[in-house]
Amino acid sequence: MKISLITLAVAATICAGAVGAGQALATTTHQTAPKTLKIVMHDPGCHWFQLGHKLTTKATVTGRVKLVNFDEAALKVASRHGMKHIAMGKSLVVGRGSYVIMMVGQATDDNYLKLTVR
């Protein structure tokens, strides 16, 4: 009787450990999908952020942002960590920080877009 109780206790411990390990492996951290922010071509000023039906040169967003380039040329995205390019029709996901966005080969009278990601 003692041997079967000990065997049963060991088996129950092993099963409980296996179930607990399976649950621990099954939990993952899911990041929310980034919000999409369109950069569009519109005169005057060449390029703008499109927020719904509104065009603006400044935007503040909470969480990661996917910048999508619908402008007529590649864009430069500058921050204190460096500069990245977004080709026409492509996108770039950016995280927390302050960004200045300008067109490659931009004229002096074109807009500089300012983005703050919190």
N, C-alpha and C. Protein backbone atom coordinates (compact mmCIF):
# COMPACT_ATOMS: atom_id res chain seq x y z
N MET A 1 0.82 -1.19 0.00
CA MET A 1 0.00 0.00 0.00
C MET A 1 0.87 1.25 0.00
N LYS A 2 1.98 1.27 0.82
CA LYS A 2 2.84 2.44 0.87
C LYS A 2 3.52 2.68 -0.47
N ILE A 3 3.91 1.61 -1.11
CA ILE A 3 4.61 1.75 -2.39
C ILE A 3 3.66 2.37 -3.43
N SER A 4 2.44 1.94 -3.46
CA SER A 4 1.51 2.48 -4.44
C SER A 4 1.17 3.94 -4.13
N LEU A 5 1.09 4.34 -2.86
CA LEU A 5 0.83 5.74 -2.51
C LEU A 5 2.01 6.62 -2.88
N ILE A 6 3.22 6.13 -2.67
CA ILE A 6 4.42 6.90 -3.03
C ILE A 6 4.49 7.04 -4.55
N THR A 7 4.22 5.96 -5.27
CA THR A 7 4.23 6.00 -6.73
C THR A 7 3.18 6.97 -7.25
N LEU A 8 2.01 6.93 -6.64
CA LEU A 8 0.94 7.83 -7.03
C LEU A 8 1.31 9.29 -6.75
N ALA A 9 1.94 9.56 -5.61
CA ALA A 9 2.36 10.91 -5.26
C ALA A 9 3.42 11.43 -6.23
N VAL A 10 4.40 10.59 -6.60
CA VAL A 10 5.44 10.97 -7.55
C VAL A 10 4.82 11.25 -8.92
N ALA A 11 3.90 10.40 -9.35
CA ALA A 11 3.25 10.58 -10.65
C ALA A 11 2.43 11.88 -10.66
N ALA A 12 1.75 12.17 -9.56
CA ALA A 12 0.95 13.40 -9.48
C ALA A 12 1.86 14.63 -9.52
N THR A 13 3.00 14.56 -8.88
CA THR A 13 3.95 15.67 -8.90
C THR A 13 4.50 15.90 -10.31
N ILE A 14 4.83 14.82 -10.98
CA ILE A 14 5.34 14.94 -12.36
C ILE A 14 4.27 15.53 -13.27
N CYS A 15 3.03 15.07 -13.16
CA CYS A 15 1.94 15.59 -14.00
C CYS A 15 1.69 17.07 -13.71
N ALA A 16 1.70 17.44 -12.44
CA ALA A 16 1.48 18.84 -12.08
C ALA A 16 2.59 19.72 -12.64
N GLY A 17 3.83 19.23 -12.60
CA GLY A 17 4.96 19.99 -13.15
C GLY A 17 4.85 20.13 -14.66
N ALA A 18 4.40 19.07 -15.32
CA ALA A 18 4.26 19.11 -16.77
C ALA A 18 3.16 20.08 -17.19
N VAL A 19 2.05 20.08 -16.47
CA VAL A 19 0.95 21.00 -16.77
C VAL A 19 1.39 22.44 -16.54
N GLY A 20 2.10 22.68 -15.44
CA GLY A 20 2.58 24.04 -15.13
C GLY A 20 3.59 24.53 -16.17
N ALA A 21 4.48 23.63 -16.63
CA ALA A 21 5.46 24.01 -17.64
C ALA A 21 4.78 24.30 -18.97
N GLY A 22 3.76 23.51 -19.30
CA GLY A 22 3.02 23.74 -20.54
C GLY A 22 2.32 25.07 -20.54
N GLN A 23 1.78 25.46 -19.40
CA GLN A 23 1.12 26.76 -19.31
C GLN A 23 2.14 27.89 -19.38
N ALA A 24 3.29 27.70 -18.78
CA ALA A 24 4.31 28.73 -18.81
C ALA A 24 4.83 28.94 -20.23
N LEU A 25 4.97 27.85 -20.98
CA LEU A 25 5.45 27.97 -22.34
C LEU A 25 4.37 28.54 -23.26
N ALA A 26 3.13 28.35 -22.92
CA ALA A 26 2.04 28.81 -23.78
C ALA A 26 1.82 30.31 -23.66
N THR A 27 2.23 30.92 -22.55
CA THR A 27 2.01 32.36 -22.39
C THR A 27 3.06 33.12 -23.17
N THR A 28 2.63 34.07 -23.97
CA THR A 28 3.54 34.92 -24.73
C THR A 28 3.10 36.36 -24.56
N THR A 29 4.03 37.25 -24.80
CA THR A 29 3.68 38.66 -24.74
C THR A 29 3.32 39.10 -26.14
N HIS A 30 2.15 39.66 -26.30
CA HIS A 30 1.68 40.13 -27.60
C HIS A 30 1.80 41.65 -27.64
N GLN A 31 2.52 42.13 -28.63
CA GLN A 31 2.58 43.57 -28.82
C GLN A 31 1.40 43.97 -29.69
N THR A 32 0.84 45.11 -29.36
CA THR A 32 -0.27 45.59 -30.16
C THR A 32 0.24 46.02 -31.52
N ALA A 33 -0.60 45.90 -32.51
CA ALA A 33 -0.23 46.31 -33.86
C ALA A 33 -0.01 47.83 -33.87
N PRO A 34 1.02 48.28 -34.58
CA PRO A 34 1.27 49.72 -34.61
C PRO A 34 0.17 50.47 -35.35
N LYS A 35 -0.07 51.69 -34.93
CA LYS A 35 -1.02 52.56 -35.63
C LYS A 35 -0.41 52.99 -36.96
N THR A 36 -1.23 53.21 -37.96
CA THR A 36 -0.75 53.62 -39.27
C THR A 36 -0.92 55.12 -39.44
N LEU A 37 0.14 55.77 -39.89
CA LEU A 37 0.13 57.20 -40.14
C LEU A 37 0.60 57.42 -41.58
N LYS A 38 -0.29 57.97 -42.42
CA LYS A 38 0.02 58.17 -43.83
C LYS A 38 0.71 59.51 -44.05
N ILE A 39 1.73 59.50 -44.90
CA ILE A 39 2.39 60.72 -45.35
C ILE A 39 2.03 60.86 -46.82
N VAL A 40 1.31 61.93 -47.15
CA VAL A 40 0.76 62.09 -48.50
C VAL A 40 1.29 63.33 -49.18
N MET A 41 1.19 63.34 -50.49
CA MET A 41 1.56 64.49 -51.32
C MET A 41 0.36 65.41 -51.45
N HIS A 42 0.56 66.70 -51.17
CA HIS A 42 -0.51 67.68 -51.32
C HIS A 42 0.12 69.06 -51.36
N ASP A 43 -0.24 69.85 -52.34
CA ASP A 43 0.27 71.23 -52.41
C ASP A 43 -0.64 72.15 -51.61
N PRO A 44 -0.21 73.20 -51.04
CA PRO A 44 1.15 73.68 -50.97
C PRO A 44 1.94 72.97 -49.88
N GLY A 45 3.22 72.93 -50.03
CA GLY A 45 4.08 72.38 -49.00
C GLY A 45 4.55 70.98 -49.27
N CYS A 46 4.07 70.35 -50.31
CA CYS A 46 4.51 69.04 -50.77
C CYS A 46 3.99 67.87 -49.96
N HIS A 47 4.44 67.64 -48.74
CA HIS A 47 4.01 66.45 -48.03
C HIS A 47 3.42 66.80 -46.66
N TRP A 48 2.46 65.95 -46.25
CA TRP A 48 1.68 66.19 -45.03
C TRP A 48 1.36 64.86 -44.36
N PHE A 49 1.08 64.91 -43.05
CA PHE A 49 0.47 63.76 -42.37
C PHE A 49 -1.02 63.80 -42.68
N GLN A 50 -1.60 62.66 -42.97
CA GLN A 50 -3.05 62.60 -43.17
C GLN A 50 -3.67 61.93 -41.96
N LEU A 51 -4.44 62.70 -41.20
CA LEU A 51 -5.14 62.21 -40.02
C LEU A 51 -6.63 62.26 -40.32
N GLY A 52 -7.19 61.15 -40.78
CA GLY A 52 -8.58 61.15 -41.23
C GLY A 52 -8.67 61.95 -42.51
N HIS A 53 -9.47 63.02 -42.52
CA HIS A 53 -9.58 63.90 -43.68
C HIS A 53 -8.77 65.18 -43.49
N LYS A 54 -8.04 65.27 -42.39
CA LYS A 54 -7.28 66.48 -42.06
C LYS A 54 -5.81 66.30 -42.45
N LEU A 55 -5.20 67.34 -42.97
CA LEU A 55 -3.78 67.35 -43.29
C LEU A 55 -3.05 68.25 -42.30
N THR A 56 -1.94 67.76 -41.74
CA THR A 56 -1.21 68.51 -40.73
C THR A 56 0.29 68.24 -40.86
N THR A 57 1.10 69.15 -40.32
CA THR A 57 2.55 68.97 -40.35
C THR A 57 3.10 68.46 -39.02
N LYS A 58 2.25 68.39 -38.00
CA LYS A 58 2.68 67.91 -36.68
C LYS A 58 1.72 66.83 -36.21
N ALA A 59 2.27 65.78 -35.60
CA ALA A 59 1.42 64.71 -35.06
C ALA A 59 2.06 64.17 -33.80
N THR A 60 1.20 63.82 -32.84
CA THR A 60 1.64 63.17 -31.60
C THR A 60 0.82 61.90 -31.46
N VAL A 61 1.51 60.77 -31.30
CA VAL A 61 0.86 59.47 -31.25
C VAL A 61 1.38 58.71 -30.05
N THR A 62 0.51 57.92 -29.42
CA THR A 62 0.91 57.06 -28.31
C THR A 62 1.11 55.65 -28.84
N GLY A 63 2.24 55.06 -28.55
CA GLY A 63 2.54 53.70 -29.01
C GLY A 63 3.28 53.72 -30.34
N ARG A 64 3.69 52.52 -30.77
CA ARG A 64 4.45 52.42 -32.02
C ARG A 64 3.62 52.89 -33.21
N VAL A 65 4.31 53.42 -34.23
CA VAL A 65 3.63 53.99 -35.39
C VAL A 65 4.25 53.41 -36.66
N LYS A 66 3.39 53.05 -37.60
CA LYS A 66 3.83 52.61 -38.91
C LYS A 66 3.64 53.78 -39.87
N LEU A 67 4.75 54.35 -40.31
CA LEU A 67 4.72 55.46 -41.27
C LEU A 67 4.65 54.88 -42.67
N VAL A 68 3.66 55.29 -43.45
CA VAL A 68 3.49 54.82 -44.82
C VAL A 68 3.70 55.99 -45.76
N ASN A 69 4.60 55.84 -46.72
CA ASN A 69 4.98 56.91 -47.64
C ASN A 69 4.12 56.87 -48.91
N PHE A 70 3.18 57.80 -49.04
CA PHE A 70 2.39 57.97 -50.25
C PHE A 70 2.82 59.25 -50.97
N ASP A 71 4.02 59.73 -50.69
CA ASP A 71 4.54 60.94 -51.30
C ASP A 71 5.13 60.60 -52.67
N GLU A 72 5.66 61.60 -53.38
CA GLU A 72 6.18 61.39 -54.73
C GLU A 72 7.65 61.00 -54.75
N ALA A 73 8.32 60.98 -53.59
CA ALA A 73 9.73 60.62 -53.52
C ALA A 73 10.01 59.94 -52.18
N ALA A 74 11.23 59.45 -52.03
CA ALA A 74 11.64 58.84 -50.78
C ALA A 74 11.67 59.89 -49.67
N LEU A 75 11.48 59.43 -48.44
CA LEU A 75 11.49 60.32 -47.28
C LEU A 75 12.65 59.96 -46.36
N LYS A 76 13.18 60.99 -45.68
CA LYS A 76 14.19 60.79 -44.64
C LYS A 76 13.50 60.99 -43.30
N VAL A 77 13.70 60.05 -42.38
CA VAL A 77 13.15 60.13 -41.03
C VAL A 77 14.34 60.28 -40.08
N ALA A 78 14.47 61.48 -39.50
CA ALA A 78 15.62 61.77 -38.65
C ALA A 78 15.20 61.83 -37.18
N SER A 79 16.02 61.24 -36.33
CA SER A 79 15.83 61.32 -34.88
C SER A 79 17.21 61.46 -34.26
N ARG A 80 17.26 61.52 -32.94
CA ARG A 80 18.57 61.64 -32.29
C ARG A 80 19.37 60.35 -32.39
N HIS A 81 18.71 59.26 -32.83
CA HIS A 81 19.39 57.97 -32.97
C HIS A 81 19.91 57.72 -34.38
N GLY A 82 19.63 58.64 -35.30
CA GLY A 82 20.11 58.48 -36.66
C GLY A 82 19.04 58.81 -37.68
N MET A 83 19.31 58.40 -38.93
CA MET A 83 18.39 58.71 -40.02
C MET A 83 18.08 57.43 -40.79
N LYS A 84 16.80 57.27 -41.16
CA LYS A 84 16.37 56.14 -41.98
C LYS A 84 15.60 56.69 -43.17
N HIS A 85 15.52 55.89 -44.22
CA HIS A 85 14.80 56.27 -45.43
C HIS A 85 13.56 55.40 -45.60
N ILE A 86 12.51 56.00 -46.17
CA ILE A 86 11.31 55.25 -46.54
C ILE A 86 11.11 55.48 -48.04
N ALA A 87 11.21 54.42 -48.81
CA ALA A 87 11.00 54.53 -50.26
C ALA A 87 9.52 54.77 -50.55
N MET A 88 9.21 55.22 -51.76
CA MET A 88 7.81 55.46 -52.16
C MET A 88 7.01 54.16 -52.05
N GLY A 89 5.84 54.26 -51.41
CA GLY A 89 4.97 53.10 -51.28
C GLY A 89 5.37 52.13 -50.19
N LYS A 90 6.44 52.39 -49.49
CA LYS A 90 6.92 51.50 -48.42
C LYS A 90 6.57 52.09 -47.06
N SER A 91 6.89 51.34 -46.00
CA SER A 91 6.57 51.79 -44.65
C SER A 91 7.74 51.55 -43.71
N LEU A 92 7.66 52.20 -42.56
CA LEU A 92 8.68 52.08 -41.52
C LEU A 92 7.98 52.18 -40.17
N VAL A 93 8.29 51.26 -39.26
CA VAL A 93 7.71 51.30 -37.92
C VAL A 93 8.70 52.00 -37.00
N VAL A 94 8.22 53.02 -36.28
CA VAL A 94 9.07 53.77 -35.35
C VAL A 94 8.47 53.68 -33.95
N GLY A 95 9.33 53.75 -32.96
CA GLY A 95 8.91 53.70 -31.57
C GLY A 95 9.01 55.06 -30.91
N ARG A 96 9.08 55.06 -29.59
CA ARG A 96 9.09 56.27 -28.79
C ARG A 96 10.22 57.20 -29.21
N GLY A 97 9.90 58.50 -29.32
CA GLY A 97 10.91 59.49 -29.66
C GLY A 97 10.33 60.65 -30.45
N SER A 98 11.21 61.55 -30.83
CA SER A 98 10.83 62.71 -31.66
C SER A 98 11.50 62.55 -33.01
N TYR A 99 10.73 62.81 -34.07
CA TYR A 99 11.21 62.60 -35.42
C TYR A 99 10.92 63.82 -36.28
N VAL A 100 11.83 64.09 -37.22
CA VAL A 100 11.63 65.10 -38.25
C VAL A 100 11.67 64.35 -39.58
N ILE A 101 10.63 64.58 -40.40
CA ILE A 101 10.51 63.85 -41.66
C ILE A 101 10.58 64.85 -42.80
N MET A 102 11.46 64.57 -43.77
CA MET A 102 11.62 65.44 -44.92
C MET A 102 11.81 64.59 -46.17
N MET A 103 11.55 65.17 -47.31
CA MET A 103 11.70 64.46 -48.58
C MET A 103 13.17 64.50 -49.00
N VAL A 104 13.63 63.42 -49.64
CA VAL A 104 14.98 63.40 -50.17
C VAL A 104 15.07 64.44 -51.29
N GLY A 105 16.06 65.32 -51.27
CA GLY A 105 16.20 66.37 -52.27
C GLY A 105 15.13 67.45 -52.15
N GLN A 106 14.68 67.67 -50.96
CA GLN A 106 13.57 68.59 -50.70
C GLN A 106 13.93 70.04 -50.99
N ALA A 107 12.97 70.78 -51.56
CA ALA A 107 13.15 72.21 -51.78
C ALA A 107 13.06 72.95 -50.45
N THR A 108 13.62 74.13 -50.38
CA THR A 108 13.67 74.88 -49.13
C THR A 108 12.30 75.31 -48.63
N ASP A 109 11.32 75.43 -49.53
CA ASP A 109 10.00 75.89 -49.10
C ASP A 109 9.03 74.73 -48.79
N ASP A 110 9.49 73.50 -48.84
CA ASP A 110 8.64 72.35 -48.52
C ASP A 110 8.52 72.16 -47.01
N ASN A 111 7.47 71.44 -46.61
CA ASN A 111 7.21 71.18 -45.19
C ASN A 111 8.21 70.22 -44.57
N TYR A 112 8.56 70.48 -43.32
CA TYR A 112 9.25 69.52 -42.48
C TYR A 112 8.17 68.99 -41.53
N LEU A 113 7.97 67.68 -41.52
CA LEU A 113 6.96 67.08 -40.66
C LEU A 113 7.59 66.75 -39.31
N LYS A 114 6.86 67.00 -38.25
CA LYS A 114 7.35 66.72 -36.89
C LYS A 114 6.43 65.69 -36.26
N LEU A 115 7.01 64.58 -35.82
CA LEU A 115 6.27 63.48 -35.21
C LEU A 115 6.82 63.21 -33.82
N THR A 116 5.91 63.12 -32.85
CA THR A 116 6.28 62.74 -31.49
C THR A 116 5.54 61.45 -31.15
N VAL A 117 6.31 60.43 -30.75
CA VAL A 117 5.74 59.15 -30.38
C VAL A 117 5.98 58.96 -28.89
N ARG A 118 4.89 58.79 -28.14
CA ARG A 118 5.00 58.63 -26.68
C ARG A 118 4.85 57.20 -26.29
